[in-house]
N, C-alpha and C. Protein backbone atom coordinates (compact mmCIF):
# COMPACT_ATOMS: atom_id res chain seq x y z
N MET A 1 8.63 2.15 8.35
CA MET A 1 8.52 0.93 7.57
C MET A 1 7.06 0.49 7.51
N ASN A 2 6.71 -0.24 6.47
CA ASN A 2 5.35 -0.72 6.33
C ASN A 2 5.37 -2.21 5.99
N ASN A 3 4.22 -2.83 6.01
CA ASN A 3 4.15 -4.24 5.68
C ASN A 3 3.31 -4.48 4.43
N LEU A 4 3.36 -3.53 3.50
CA LEU A 4 2.57 -3.64 2.28
C LEU A 4 2.94 -4.86 1.44
N LYS A 5 4.22 -5.11 1.29
CA LYS A 5 4.65 -6.24 0.46
C LYS A 5 4.12 -7.55 1.03
N GLU A 6 4.24 -7.71 2.32
CA GLU A 6 3.75 -8.92 2.98
C GLU A 6 2.24 -9.08 2.79
N LEU A 7 1.50 -8.00 2.98
CA LEU A 7 0.04 -8.05 2.79
C LEU A 7 -0.32 -8.40 1.35
N ARG A 8 0.38 -7.77 0.41
CA ARG A 8 0.10 -8.00 -1.01
C ARG A 8 0.39 -9.45 -1.39
N ILE A 9 1.49 -9.97 -0.94
CA ILE A 9 1.86 -11.35 -1.27
C ILE A 9 0.87 -12.34 -0.65
N LYS A 10 0.46 -12.09 0.59
CA LYS A 10 -0.52 -12.96 1.25
C LYS A 10 -1.82 -13.05 0.46
N LYS A 11 -2.19 -11.94 -0.19
CA LYS A 11 -3.42 -11.91 -0.97
C LYS A 11 -3.20 -12.28 -2.43
N ASN A 12 -1.94 -12.68 -2.75
CA ASN A 12 -1.59 -13.11 -4.10
C ASN A 12 -1.91 -12.03 -5.14
N LEU A 13 -1.50 -10.80 -4.83
CA LEU A 13 -1.76 -9.67 -5.72
C LEU A 13 -0.45 -9.17 -6.32
N LYS A 14 -0.55 -8.55 -7.46
CA LYS A 14 0.58 -7.90 -8.09
C LYS A 14 0.55 -6.42 -7.70
N GLN A 15 1.72 -5.79 -7.73
CA GLN A 15 1.78 -4.36 -7.42
C GLN A 15 0.83 -3.58 -8.30
N ARG A 16 0.76 -3.94 -9.56
CA ARG A 16 -0.11 -3.25 -10.52
C ARG A 16 -1.57 -3.28 -10.07
N GLU A 17 -2.00 -4.42 -9.56
CA GLU A 17 -3.40 -4.55 -9.14
C GLU A 17 -3.72 -3.62 -7.97
N VAL A 18 -2.84 -3.57 -7.01
CA VAL A 18 -3.07 -2.69 -5.85
C VAL A 18 -3.01 -1.23 -6.29
N ALA A 19 -2.01 -0.90 -7.09
CA ALA A 19 -1.85 0.49 -7.56
C ALA A 19 -3.09 0.95 -8.31
N GLU A 20 -3.58 0.14 -9.22
CA GLU A 20 -4.77 0.52 -9.99
C GLU A 20 -5.98 0.68 -9.08
N ALA A 21 -6.11 -0.18 -8.10
CA ALA A 21 -7.26 -0.14 -7.19
C ALA A 21 -7.28 1.14 -6.34
N VAL A 22 -6.10 1.65 -6.01
CA VAL A 22 -6.04 2.85 -5.17
C VAL A 22 -5.76 4.11 -5.97
N GLY A 23 -5.61 3.98 -7.29
CA GLY A 23 -5.51 5.15 -8.16
C GLY A 23 -4.13 5.78 -8.28
N ILE A 24 -3.08 4.97 -8.22
CA ILE A 24 -1.73 5.50 -8.40
C ILE A 24 -0.98 4.63 -9.41
N THR A 25 0.21 5.09 -9.80
CA THR A 25 1.00 4.30 -10.74
C THR A 25 1.68 3.14 -10.02
N THR A 26 2.01 2.13 -10.80
CA THR A 26 2.69 0.97 -10.23
C THR A 26 4.05 1.36 -9.66
N SER A 27 4.75 2.24 -10.34
CA SER A 27 6.08 2.64 -9.85
C SER A 27 5.97 3.40 -8.52
N TYR A 28 4.97 4.25 -8.40
CA TYR A 28 4.79 4.98 -7.14
C TYR A 28 4.43 4.01 -6.02
N TYR A 29 3.55 3.06 -6.31
CA TYR A 29 3.19 2.06 -5.31
C TYR A 29 4.44 1.27 -4.88
N GLY A 30 5.26 0.90 -5.84
CA GLY A 30 6.49 0.16 -5.54
C GLY A 30 7.41 0.94 -4.61
N MET A 31 7.51 2.25 -4.83
CA MET A 31 8.34 3.08 -3.96
C MET A 31 7.77 3.15 -2.54
N ILE A 32 6.45 3.20 -2.43
CA ILE A 32 5.82 3.20 -1.10
C ILE A 32 6.10 1.87 -0.41
N GLU A 33 5.95 0.79 -1.17
CA GLU A 33 6.18 -0.55 -0.61
C GLU A 33 7.61 -0.71 -0.11
N LEU A 34 8.56 -0.12 -0.82
CA LEU A 34 9.97 -0.21 -0.43
C LEU A 34 10.36 0.80 0.65
N GLY A 35 9.45 1.70 0.98
CA GLY A 35 9.74 2.71 1.99
C GLY A 35 10.49 3.91 1.45
N LYS A 36 10.55 4.04 0.13
CA LYS A 36 11.25 5.17 -0.48
C LYS A 36 10.37 6.41 -0.59
N ARG A 37 9.07 6.22 -0.49
CA ARG A 37 8.09 7.33 -0.51
C ARG A 37 7.08 7.09 0.60
N GLU A 38 6.58 8.19 1.13
CA GLU A 38 5.52 8.13 2.14
C GLU A 38 4.21 8.56 1.48
N PRO A 39 3.16 7.78 1.65
CA PRO A 39 1.89 8.18 1.06
C PRO A 39 1.26 9.33 1.83
N SER A 40 0.45 10.11 1.13
CA SER A 40 -0.32 11.14 1.82
C SER A 40 -1.32 10.44 2.73
N LEU A 41 -1.90 11.17 3.64
CA LEU A 41 -2.90 10.59 4.54
C LEU A 41 -4.07 10.02 3.74
N GLU A 42 -4.50 10.76 2.71
CA GLU A 42 -5.60 10.30 1.87
C GLU A 42 -5.26 8.98 1.19
N LEU A 43 -4.06 8.90 0.63
CA LEU A 43 -3.65 7.67 -0.04
C LEU A 43 -3.48 6.52 0.95
N ALA A 44 -2.91 6.80 2.11
CA ALA A 44 -2.77 5.77 3.14
C ALA A 44 -4.14 5.22 3.53
N LEU A 45 -5.13 6.11 3.60
CA LEU A 45 -6.50 5.68 3.92
C LEU A 45 -7.06 4.79 2.81
N ARG A 46 -6.85 5.16 1.54
CA ARG A 46 -7.32 4.34 0.42
C ARG A 46 -6.67 2.96 0.45
N ILE A 47 -5.38 2.93 0.72
CA ILE A 47 -4.66 1.65 0.78
C ILE A 47 -5.18 0.81 1.94
N SER A 48 -5.36 1.42 3.09
CA SER A 48 -5.84 0.66 4.25
C SER A 48 -7.25 0.12 4.01
N ARG A 49 -8.09 0.90 3.38
CA ARG A 49 -9.44 0.42 3.05
C ARG A 49 -9.38 -0.74 2.07
N TYR A 50 -8.47 -0.64 1.11
CA TYR A 50 -8.32 -1.72 0.11
C TYR A 50 -7.97 -3.03 0.80
N PHE A 51 -7.08 -2.98 1.77
CA PHE A 51 -6.67 -4.20 2.47
C PHE A 51 -7.59 -4.53 3.65
N GLY A 52 -8.53 -3.64 3.97
CA GLY A 52 -9.46 -3.90 5.07
C GLY A 52 -8.81 -3.81 6.44
N LEU A 53 -7.81 -2.92 6.56
CA LEU A 53 -7.09 -2.77 7.81
C LEU A 53 -7.05 -1.30 8.22
N LYS A 54 -6.62 -1.05 9.45
CA LYS A 54 -6.41 0.32 9.91
C LYS A 54 -5.08 0.82 9.35
N ILE A 55 -4.98 2.13 9.18
CA ILE A 55 -3.74 2.73 8.70
C ILE A 55 -2.57 2.31 9.58
N GLU A 56 -2.78 2.31 10.89
CA GLU A 56 -1.71 1.96 11.83
C GLU A 56 -1.21 0.53 11.62
N ASP A 57 -2.12 -0.34 11.21
CA ASP A 57 -1.74 -1.75 11.01
C ASP A 57 -0.83 -1.93 9.80
N ILE A 58 -0.86 -0.97 8.88
CA ILE A 58 -0.02 -1.06 7.69
C ILE A 58 1.20 -0.18 7.80
N PHE A 59 1.01 1.06 8.24
CA PHE A 59 2.09 2.03 8.24
C PHE A 59 2.64 2.36 9.63
N GLY A 60 2.13 1.71 10.66
CA GLY A 60 2.59 1.99 12.01
C GLY A 60 4.06 1.68 12.21
N GLN A 61 4.68 2.42 13.08
CA GLN A 61 6.12 2.23 13.31
C GLN A 61 6.34 1.24 14.42
């Protein structure tokens, strides 16, 4: 499980904004947020950098 939705809402962002910033489609980002897809390590790193957090802080179990 991840806390992407919580992080995104706290920053008042739309899924589209995060997806565009990290270079993926909105639908793919939505699936990651819901836990239906796992990001690659590279993508997880891009997402963590976008939010200014460690990968573990977002995707840690």
